[in-house]
Amino acid sequence: MSAVSKVMYKPLALAASVGGGILAGAVFGQVWKRVAGEPEVPDPKDLSRTDREVFIAAAVQGTIFGLVRAAVDRAGARGYRKLAHADPR
């Protein structure tokens, strides 16, 4: 990738990452509401919650964030390649 391409890609990738984080948070919130039947995710500092609840919530959240991040990064890279005719690596 050329220097100009890197300069063009970095702000786009940053914006996509921020948008992906927001999207992942929203997706996780909806998944948690439906699966756990609770409106709020257990806070790890809330000692009235069981360890199991907290760890399951963290594992589900990590999985969703990882999947959304990979999907957003992949879509951004493909879009960049279509526009710049170069891979963003």
PDB file of N, CA and C in Angstrom:
ATOM      1  N   MET A   1       0.854  -1.160   0.000  1.00  0.00           N
ATOM      2  CA  MET A   1       0.000   0.000   0.000  1.00  0.00           C
ATOM      3  C   MET A   1       0.903   1.227   0.000  1.00  0.00           C
ATOM      4  N   SER A   2       0.564   2.204  -0.826  1.00  0.00           N
ATOM      5  CA  SER A   2       1.367   3.414  -0.925  1.00  0.00           C
ATOM      6  C   SER A   2       1.145   4.307   0.291  1.00  0.00           C
ATOM      7  N   ALA A   3       2.000   5.293   0.445  1.00  0.00           N
ATOM      8  CA  ALA A   3       1.898   6.221   1.576  1.00  0.00           C
ATOM      9  C   ALA A   3       0.587   7.004   1.514  1.00  0.00           C
ATOM     10  N   VAL A   4       0.181   7.397   0.322  1.00  0.00           N
ATOM     11  CA  VAL A   4      -1.071   8.143   0.163  1.00  0.00           C
ATOM     12  C   VAL A   4      -2.247   7.251   0.543  1.00  0.00           C
ATOM     13  N   SER A   5      -2.201   6.014   0.143  1.00  0.00           N
ATOM     14  CA  SER A   5      -3.272   5.083   0.475  1.00  0.00           C
ATOM     15  C   SER A   5      -3.384   4.890   1.985  1.00  0.00           C
ATOM     16  N   LYS A   6      -2.236   4.787   2.666  1.00  0.00           N
ATOM     17  CA  LYS A   6      -2.251   4.633   4.120  1.00  0.00           C
ATOM     18  C   LYS A   6      -2.876   5.846   4.786  1.00  0.00           C
ATOM     19  N   VAL A   7      -2.520   7.028   4.293  1.00  0.00           N
ATOM     20  CA  VAL A   7      -3.068   8.257   4.866  1.00  0.00           C
ATOM     21  C   VAL A   7      -4.579   8.311   4.656  1.00  0.00           C
ATOM     22  N   MET A   8      -5.048   7.849   3.521  1.00  0.00           N
ATOM     23  CA  MET A   8      -6.487   7.848   3.236  1.00  0.00           C
ATOM     24  C   MET A   8      -7.217   6.789   4.063  1.00  0.00           C
ATOM     25  N   TYR A   9      -6.576   5.643   4.246  1.00  0.00           N
ATOM     26  CA  TYR A   9      -7.250   4.532   4.899  1.00  0.00           C
ATOM     27  C   TYR A   9      -7.380   4.705   6.410  1.00  0.00           C
ATOM     28  N   LYS A  10      -6.379   5.273   7.051  1.00  0.00           N
ATOM     29  CA  LYS A  10      -6.377   5.345   8.515  1.00  0.00           C
ATOM     30  C   LYS A  10      -7.591   6.079   9.088  1.00  0.00           C
ATOM     31  N   PRO A  11      -7.963   7.279   8.588  1.00  0.00           N
ATOM     32  CA  PRO A  11      -9.158   7.918   9.161  1.00  0.00           C
ATOM     33  C   PRO A  11     -10.436   7.125   8.895  1.00  0.00           C
ATOM     34  N   LEU A  12     -10.506   6.490   7.733  1.00  0.00           N
ATOM     35  CA  LEU A  12     -11.680   5.671   7.431  1.00  0.00           C
ATOM     36  C   LEU A  12     -11.770   4.475   8.370  1.00  0.00           C
ATOM     37  N   ALA A  13     -10.624   3.848   8.630  1.00  0.00           N
ATOM     38  CA  ALA A  13     -10.601   2.694   9.526  1.00  0.00           C
ATOM     39  C   ALA A  13     -10.949   3.113  10.955  1.00  0.00           C
ATOM     40  N   LEU A  14     -10.479   4.275  11.374  1.00  0.00           N
ATOM     41  CA  LEU A  14     -10.788   4.762  12.712  1.00  0.00           C
ATOM     42  C   LEU A  14     -12.286   5.024  12.862  1.00  0.00           C
ATOM     43  N   ALA A  15     -12.868   5.683  11.883  1.00  0.00           N
ATOM     44  CA  ALA A  15     -14.305   5.957  11.919  1.00  0.00           C
ATOM     45  C   ALA A  15     -15.107   4.653  11.920  1.00  0.00           C
ATOM     46  N   ALA A  16     -14.669   3.699  11.124  1.00  0.00           N
ATOM     47  CA  ALA A  16     -15.360   2.405  11.078  1.00  0.00           C
ATOM     48  C   ALA A  16     -15.245   1.680  12.416  1.00  0.00           C
ATOM     49  N   SER A  17     -14.095   1.791  13.075  1.00  0.00           N
ATOM     50  CA  SER A  17     -13.916   1.146  14.375  1.00  0.00           C
ATOM     51  C   SER A  17     -14.838   1.744  15.429  1.00  0.00           C
ATOM     52  N   VAL A  18     -14.952   3.062  15.436  1.00  0.00           N
ATOM     53  CA  VAL A  18     -15.839   3.722  16.394  1.00  0.00           C
ATOM     54  C   VAL A  18     -17.288   3.300  16.125  1.00  0.00           C
ATOM     55  N   GLY A  19     -17.682   3.345  14.868  1.00  0.00           N
ATOM     56  CA  GLY A  19     -19.035   2.925  14.506  1.00  0.00           C
ATOM     57  C   GLY A  19     -19.280   1.467  14.848  1.00  0.00           C
ATOM     58  N   GLY A  20     -18.281   0.628  14.625  1.00  0.00           N
ATOM     59  CA  GLY A  20     -18.411  -0.789  14.955  1.00  0.00           C
ATOM     60  C   GLY A  20     -18.558  -1.019  16.450  1.00  0.00           C
ATOM     61  N   GLY A  21     -17.839  -0.244  17.261  1.00  0.00           N
ATOM     62  CA  GLY A  21     -17.964  -0.357  18.710  1.00  0.00           C
ATOM     63  C   GLY A  21     -19.353   0.020  19.185  1.00  0.00           C
ATOM     64  N   ILE A  22     -19.887   1.082  18.604  1.00  0.00           N
ATOM     65  CA  ILE A  22     -21.245   1.508  18.954  1.00  0.00           C
ATOM     66  C   ILE A  22     -22.255   0.440  18.532  1.00  0.00           C
ATOM     67  N   LEU A  23     -22.081  -0.078  17.326  1.00  0.00           N
ATOM     68  CA  LEU A  23     -22.966  -1.127  16.825  1.00  0.00           C
ATOM     69  C   LEU A  23     -22.872  -2.378  17.698  1.00  0.00           C
ATOM     70  N   ALA A  24     -21.663  -2.774  18.063  1.00  0.00           N
ATOM     71  CA  ALA A  24     -21.484  -3.964  18.894  1.00  0.00           C
ATOM     72  C   ALA A  24     -22.148  -3.795  20.253  1.00  0.00           C
ATOM     73  N   GLY A  25     -22.039  -2.608  20.841  1.00  0.00           N
ATOM     74  CA  GLY A  25     -22.689  -2.354  22.119  1.00  0.00           C
ATOM     75  C   GLY A  25     -24.201  -2.478  22.019  1.00  0.00           C
ATOM     76  N   ALA A  26     -24.757  -1.946  20.944  1.00  0.00           N
ATOM     77  CA  ALA A  26     -26.207  -2.026  20.739  1.00  0.00           C
ATOM     78  C   ALA A  26     -26.648  -3.465  20.513  1.00  0.00           C
ATOM     79  N   VAL A  27     -25.884  -4.200  19.706  1.00  0.00           N
ATOM     80  CA  VAL A  27     -26.220  -5.610  19.444  1.00  0.00           C
ATOM     81  C   VAL A  27     -26.153  -6.409  20.742  1.00  0.00           C
ATOM     82  N   PHE A  28     -25.095  -6.201  21.510  1.00  0.00           N
ATOM     83  CA  PHE A  28     -24.960  -6.941  22.765  1.00  0.00           C
ATOM     84  C   PHE A  28     -26.099  -6.619  23.719  1.00  0.00           C
ATOM     85  N   GLY A  29     -26.476  -5.351  23.813  1.00  0.00           N
ATOM     86  CA  GLY A  29     -27.591  -4.970  24.685  1.00  0.00           C
ATOM     87  C   GLY A  29     -28.877  -5.687  24.319  1.00  0.00           C
ATOM     88  N   GLN A  30     -29.144  -5.778  23.014  1.00  0.00           N
ATOM     89  CA  GLN A  30     -30.363  -6.470  22.568  1.00  0.00           C
ATOM     90  C   GLN A  30     -30.272  -7.968  22.815  1.00  0.00           C
ATOM     91  N   VAL A  31     -29.115  -8.555  22.550  1.00  0.00           N
ATOM     92  CA  VAL A  31     -28.944  -9.998  22.777  1.00  0.00           C
ATOM     93  C   VAL A  31     -29.112 -10.304  24.258  1.00  0.00           C
ATOM     94  N   TRP A  32     -28.507  -9.491  25.116  1.00  0.00           N
ATOM     95  CA  TRP A  32     -28.599  -9.746  26.550  1.00  0.00           C
ATOM     96  C   TRP A  32     -30.040  -9.642  27.031  1.00  0.00           C
ATOM     97  N   LYS A  33     -30.778  -8.645  26.545  1.00  0.00           N
ATOM     98  CA  LYS A  33     -32.185  -8.490  26.947  1.00  0.00           C
ATOM     99  C   LYS A  33     -32.989  -9.729  26.590  1.00  0.00           C
ATOM    100  N   ARG A  34     -32.752 -10.259  25.401  1.00  0.00           N
ATOM    101  CA  ARG A  34     -33.539 -11.401  24.930  1.00  0.00           C
ATOM    102  C   ARG A  34     -33.128 -12.711  25.589  1.00  0.00           C
ATOM    103  N   VAL A  35     -31.832 -12.899  25.763  1.00  0.00           N
ATOM    104  CA  VAL A  35     -31.350 -14.162  26.324  1.00  0.00           C
ATOM    105  C   VAL A  35     -31.564 -14.217  27.833  1.00  0.00           C
ATOM    106  N   ALA A  36     -31.184 -13.144  28.530  1.00  0.00           N
ATOM    107  CA  ALA A  36     -31.257 -13.154  29.990  1.00  0.00           C
ATOM    108  C   ALA A  36     -32.595 -12.644  30.508  1.00  0.00           C
ATOM    109  N   GLY A  37     -33.335 -11.954  29.665  1.00  0.00           N
ATOM    110  CA  GLY A  37     -34.603 -11.399  30.110  1.00  0.00           C
ATOM    111  C   GLY A  37     -34.433 -10.237  31.075  1.00  0.00           C
ATOM    112  N   GLU A  38     -33.260  -9.625  31.058  1.00  0.00           N
ATOM    113  CA  GLU A  38     -32.957  -8.500  31.936  1.00  0.00           C
ATOM    114  C   GLU A  38     -32.560  -7.298  31.086  1.00  0.00           C
ATOM    115  N   PRO A  39     -32.972  -6.094  31.488  1.00  0.00           N
ATOM    116  CA  PRO A  39     -32.640  -4.918  30.685  1.00  0.00           C
ATOM    117  C   PRO A  39     -31.184  -4.478  30.806  1.00  0.00           C
ATOM    118  N   GLU A  40     -30.527  -4.837  31.908  1.00  0.00           N
ATOM    119  CA  GLU A  40     -29.150  -4.380  32.114  1.00  0.00           C
ATOM    120  C   GLU A  40     -28.192  -5.553  32.237  1.00  0.00           C
ATOM    121  N   VAL A  41     -27.000  -5.320  31.744  1.00  0.00           N
ATOM    122  CA  VAL A  41     -25.929  -6.311  31.830  1.00  0.00           C
ATOM    123  C   VAL A  41     -25.384  -6.295  33.257  1.00  0.00           C
ATOM    124  N   PRO A  42     -25.053  -7.460  33.815  1.00  0.00           N
ATOM    125  CA  PRO A  42     -24.500  -7.473  35.166  1.00  0.00           C
ATOM    126  C   PRO A  42     -23.145  -6.753  35.236  1.00  0.00           C
ATOM    127  N   ASP A  43     -23.024  -5.884  36.197  1.00  0.00           N
ATOM    128  CA  ASP A  43     -21.773  -5.164  36.433  1.00  0.00           C
ATOM    129  C   ASP A  43     -20.849  -6.074  37.243  1.00  0.00           C
ATOM    130  N   PRO A  44     -19.612  -6.255  36.817  1.00  0.00           N
ATOM    131  CA  PRO A  44     -18.693  -7.127  37.564  1.00  0.00           C
ATOM    132  C   PRO A  44     -18.483  -6.685  39.017  1.00  0.00           C
ATOM    133  N   LYS A  45     -18.705  -5.416  39.314  1.00  0.00           N
ATOM    134  CA  LYS A  45     -18.522  -4.916  40.679  1.00  0.00           C
ATOM    135  C   LYS A  45     -19.760  -5.111  41.548  1.00  0.00           C
ATOM    136  N   ASP A  46     -20.865  -5.509  40.931  1.00  0.00           N
ATOM    137  CA  ASP A  46     -22.107  -5.746  41.677  1.00  0.00           C
ATOM    138  C   ASP A  46     -22.027  -7.130  42.311  1.00  0.00           C
ATOM    139  N   LEU A  47     -21.728  -7.153  43.601  1.00  0.00           N
ATOM    140  CA  LEU A  47     -21.511  -8.431  44.281  1.00  0.00           C
ATOM    141  C   LEU A  47     -22.800  -9.185  44.579  1.00  0.00           C
ATOM    142  N   SER A  48     -23.951  -8.581  44.261  1.00  0.00           N
ATOM    143  CA  SER A  48     -25.204  -9.317  44.417  1.00  0.00           C
ATOM    144  C   SER A  48     -25.432 -10.260  43.234  1.00  0.00           C
ATOM    145  N   ARG A  49     -24.677 -10.074  42.167  1.00  0.00           N
ATOM    146  CA  ARG A  49     -24.747 -10.966  40.999  1.00  0.00           C
ATOM    147  C   ARG A  49     -23.800 -12.134  41.208  1.00  0.00           C
ATOM    148  N   THR A  50     -24.146 -13.264  40.638  1.00  0.00           N
ATOM    149  CA  THR A  50     -23.273 -14.436  40.771  1.00  0.00           C
ATOM    150  C   THR A  50     -22.086 -14.319  39.823  1.00  0.00           C
ATOM    151  N   ASP A  51     -21.031 -15.037  40.157  1.00  0.00           N
ATOM    152  CA  ASP A  51     -19.862 -15.079  39.275  1.00  0.00           C
ATOM    153  C   ASP A  51     -20.266 -15.601  37.904  1.00  0.00           C
ATOM    154  N   ARG A  52     -21.113 -16.610  37.907  1.00  0.00           N
ATOM    155  CA  ARG A  52     -21.546 -17.213  36.646  1.00  0.00           C
ATOM    156  C   ARG A  52     -22.220 -16.177  35.745  1.00  0.00           C
ATOM    157  N   GLU A  53     -23.133 -15.380  36.277  1.00  0.00           N
ATOM    158  CA  GLU A  53     -23.809 -14.350  35.484  1.00  0.00           C
ATOM    159  C   GLU A  53     -22.805 -13.371  34.877  1.00  0.00           C
ATOM    160  N   VAL A  54     -21.904 -12.906  35.712  1.00  0.00           N
ATOM    161  CA  VAL A  54     -20.928 -11.904  35.269  1.00  0.00           C
ATOM    162  C   VAL A  54     -20.013 -12.486  34.191  1.00  0.00           C
ATOM    163  N   PHE A  55     -19.530 -13.698  34.392  1.00  0.00           N
ATOM    164  CA  PHE A  55     -18.595 -14.291  33.427  1.00  0.00           C
ATOM    165  C   PHE A  55     -19.280 -14.653  32.116  1.00  0.00           C
ATOM    166  N   ILE A  56     -20.508 -15.124  32.188  1.00  0.00           N
ATOM    167  CA  ILE A  56     -21.246 -15.425  30.956  1.00  0.00           C
ATOM    168  C   ILE A  56     -21.502 -14.143  30.176  1.00  0.00           C
ATOM    169  N   ALA A  57     -21.902 -13.090  30.876  1.00  0.00           N
ATOM    170  CA  ALA A  57     -22.132 -11.803  30.199  1.00  0.00           C
ATOM    171  C   ALA A  57     -20.852 -11.308  29.535  1.00  0.00           C
ATOM    172  N   ALA A  58     -19.733 -11.428  30.223  1.00  0.00           N
ATOM    173  CA  ALA A  58     -18.458 -10.974  29.659  1.00  0.00           C
ATOM    174  C   ALA A  58     -18.067 -11.808  28.438  1.00  0.00           C
ATOM    175  N   ALA A  59     -18.288 -13.108  28.507  1.00  0.00           N
ATOM    176  CA  ALA A  59     -17.945 -13.970  27.378  1.00  0.00           C
ATOM    177  C   ALA A  59     -18.817 -13.672  26.159  1.00  0.00           C
ATOM    178  N   VAL A  60     -20.108 -13.482  26.387  1.00  0.00           N
ATOM    179  CA  VAL A  60     -21.016 -13.160  25.277  1.00  0.00           C
ATOM    180  C   VAL A  60     -20.650 -11.801  24.689  1.00  0.00           C
ATOM    181  N   GLN A  61     -20.366 -10.840  25.553  1.00  0.00           N
ATOM    182  CA  GLN A  61     -20.001  -9.505  25.093  1.00  0.00           C
ATOM    183  C   GLN A  61     -18.714  -9.549  24.268  1.00  0.00           C
ATOM    184  N   GLY A  62     -17.726 -10.275  24.735  1.00  0.00           N
ATOM    185  CA  GLY A  62     -16.471 -10.392  23.997  1.00  0.00           C
ATOM    186  C   GLY A  62     -16.651 -11.050  22.640  1.00  0.00           C
ATOM    187  N   THR A  63     -17.486 -12.070  22.596  1.00  0.00           N
ATOM    188  CA  THR A  63     -17.758 -12.755  21.330  1.00  0.00           C
ATOM    189  C   THR A  63     -18.444 -11.827  20.346  1.00  0.00           C
ATOM    190  N   ILE A  64     -19.442 -11.108  20.812  1.00  0.00           N
ATOM    191  CA  ILE A  64     -20.171 -10.194  19.925  1.00  0.00           C
ATOM    192  C   ILE A  64     -19.264  -9.074  19.445  1.00  0.00           C
ATOM    193  N   PHE A  65     -18.477  -8.486  20.353  1.00  0.00           N
ATOM    194  CA  PHE A  65     -17.568  -7.422  19.939  1.00  0.00           C
ATOM    195  C   PHE A  65     -16.557  -7.923  18.925  1.00  0.00           C
ATOM    196  N   GLY A  66     -16.034  -9.124  19.133  1.00  0.00           N
ATOM    197  CA  GLY A  66     -15.074  -9.689  18.189  1.00  0.00           C
ATOM    198  C   GLY A  66     -15.685  -9.927  16.816  1.00  0.00           C
ATOM    199  N   LEU A  67     -16.888 -10.467  16.789  1.00  0.00           N
ATOM    200  CA  LEU A  67     -17.564 -10.719  15.519  1.00  0.00           C
ATOM    201  C   LEU A  67     -17.900  -9.425  14.777  1.00  0.00           C
ATOM    202  N   VAL A  68     -18.431  -8.451  15.513  1.00  0.00           N
ATOM    203  CA  VAL A  68     -18.786  -7.180  14.872  1.00  0.00           C
ATOM    204  C   VAL A  68     -17.531  -6.470  14.394  1.00  0.00           C
ATOM    205  N   ARG A  69     -16.482  -6.478  15.192  1.00  0.00           N
ATOM    206  CA  ARG A  69     -15.235  -5.822  14.778  1.00  0.00           C
ATOM    207  C   ARG A  69     -14.667  -6.460  13.512  1.00  0.00           C
ATOM    208  N   ALA A  70     -14.655  -7.779  13.464  1.00  0.00           N
ATOM    209  CA  ALA A  70     -14.151  -8.468  12.274  1.00  0.00           C
ATOM    210  C   ALA A  70     -15.012  -8.144  11.058  1.00  0.00           C
ATOM    211  N   ALA A  71     -16.331  -8.114  11.231  1.00  0.00           N
ATOM    212  CA  ALA A  71     -17.222  -7.812  10.112  1.00  0.00           C
ATOM    213  C   ALA A  71     -17.021  -6.387   9.615  1.00  0.00           C
ATOM    214  N   VAL A  72     -16.892  -5.431  10.541  1.00  0.00           N
ATOM    215  CA  VAL A  72     -16.693  -4.031  10.157  1.00  0.00           C
ATOM    216  C   VAL A  72     -15.334  -3.840   9.496  1.00  0.00           C
ATOM    217  N   ASP A  73     -14.291  -4.424  10.070  1.00  0.00           N
ATOM    218  CA  ASP A  73     -12.955  -4.318   9.472  1.00  0.00           C
ATOM    219  C   ASP A  73     -12.921  -4.927   8.074  1.00  0.00           C
ATOM    220  N   ARG A  74     -13.562  -6.058   7.945  1.00  0.00           N
ATOM    221  CA  ARG A  74     -13.591  -6.751   6.650  1.00  0.00           C
ATOM    222  C   ARG A  74     -14.346  -5.934   5.609  1.00  0.00           C
ATOM    223  N   ALA A  75     -15.498  -5.392   5.986  1.00  0.00           N
ATOM    224  CA  ALA A  75     -16.286  -4.573   5.065  1.00  0.00           C
ATOM    225  C   ALA A  75     -15.518  -3.306   4.686  1.00  0.00           C
ATOM    226  N   GLY A  76     -14.845  -2.710   5.653  1.00  0.00           N
ATOM    227  CA  GLY A  76     -14.044  -1.515   5.373  1.00  0.00           C
ATOM    228  C   GLY A  76     -12.906  -1.807   4.418  1.00  0.00           C
ATOM    229  N   ALA A  77     -12.246  -2.920   4.602  1.00  0.00           N
ATOM    230  CA  ALA A  77     -11.143  -3.300   3.727  1.00  0.00           C
ATOM    231  C   ALA A  77     -11.636  -3.572   2.303  1.00  0.00           C
ATOM    232  N   ARG A  78     -12.770  -4.233   2.199  1.00  0.00           N
ATOM    233  CA  ARG A  78     -13.323  -4.500   0.863  1.00  0.00           C
ATOM    234  C   ARG A  78     -13.765  -3.211   0.175  1.00  0.00           C
ATOM    235  N   GLY A  79     -14.395  -2.322   0.934  1.00  0.00           N
ATOM    236  CA  GLY A  79     -14.804  -1.035   0.367  1.00  0.00           C
ATOM    237  C   GLY A  79     -13.609  -0.214  -0.076  1.00  0.00           C
ATOM    238  N   TYR A  80     -12.561  -0.213   0.744  1.00  0.00           N
ATOM    239  CA  TYR A  80     -11.350   0.514   0.391  1.00  0.00           C
ATOM    240  C   TYR A  80     -10.735  -0.049  -0.889  1.00  0.00           C
ATOM    241  N   ARG A  81     -10.697  -1.380  -0.979  1.00  0.00           N
ATOM    242  CA  ARG A  81     -10.115  -2.004  -2.168  1.00  0.00           C
ATOM    243  C   ARG A  81     -10.889  -1.627  -3.426  1.00  0.00           C
ATOM    244  N   LYS A  82     -12.216  -1.530  -3.312  1.00  0.00           N
ATOM    245  CA  LYS A  82     -13.015  -1.131  -4.476  1.00  0.00           C
ATOM    246  C   LYS A  82     -12.713   0.300  -4.893  1.00  0.00           C
ATOM    247  N   LEU A  83     -12.506   1.174  -3.911  1.00  0.00           N
ATOM    248  CA  LEU A  83     -12.255   2.577  -4.223  1.00  0.00           C
ATOM    249  C   LEU A  83     -10.821   2.841  -4.675  1.00  0.00           C
ATOM    250  N   ALA A  84      -9.861   2.254  -3.963  1.00  0.00           N
ATOM    251  CA  ALA A  84      -8.444   2.569  -4.212  1.00  0.00           C
ATOM    252  C   ALA A  84      -7.743   1.541  -5.091  1.00  0.00           C
ATOM    253  N   HIS A  85      -8.382   0.417  -5.338  1.00  0.00           N
ATOM    254  CA  HIS A  85      -7.769  -0.668  -6.111  1.00  0.00           C
ATOM    255  C   HIS A  85      -6.461  -1.132  -5.498  1.00  0.00           C
ATOM    256  N   ALA A  86      -6.436  -1.139  -4.156  1.00  0.00           N
ATOM    257  CA  ALA A  86      -5.271  -1.619  -3.418  1.00  0.00           C
ATOM    258  C   ALA A  86      -5.754  -2.221  -2.106  1.00  0.00           C
ATOM    259  N   ASP A  87      -5.025  -3.194  -1.616  1.00  0.00           N
ATOM    260  CA  ASP A  87      -5.364  -3.783  -0.322  1.00  0.00           C
ATOM    261  C   ASP A  87      -4.895  -2.859   0.800  1.00  0.00           C
ATOM    262  N   PRO A  88      -5.652  -2.772   1.885  1.00  0.00           N
ATOM    263  CA  PRO A  88      -5.302  -1.867   2.968  1.00  0.00           C
ATOM    264  C   PRO A  88      -4.308  -2.445   3.983  1.00  0.00           C
ATOM    265  N   ARG A  89      -3.481  -3.362   3.609  1.00  0.00           N
ATOM    266  CA  ARG A  89      -2.502  -3.928   4.548  1.00  0.00           C
ATOM    267  C   ARG A  89      -1.206  -3.209   4.469  1.00  0.00           C
TER     268      ARG A  89
END
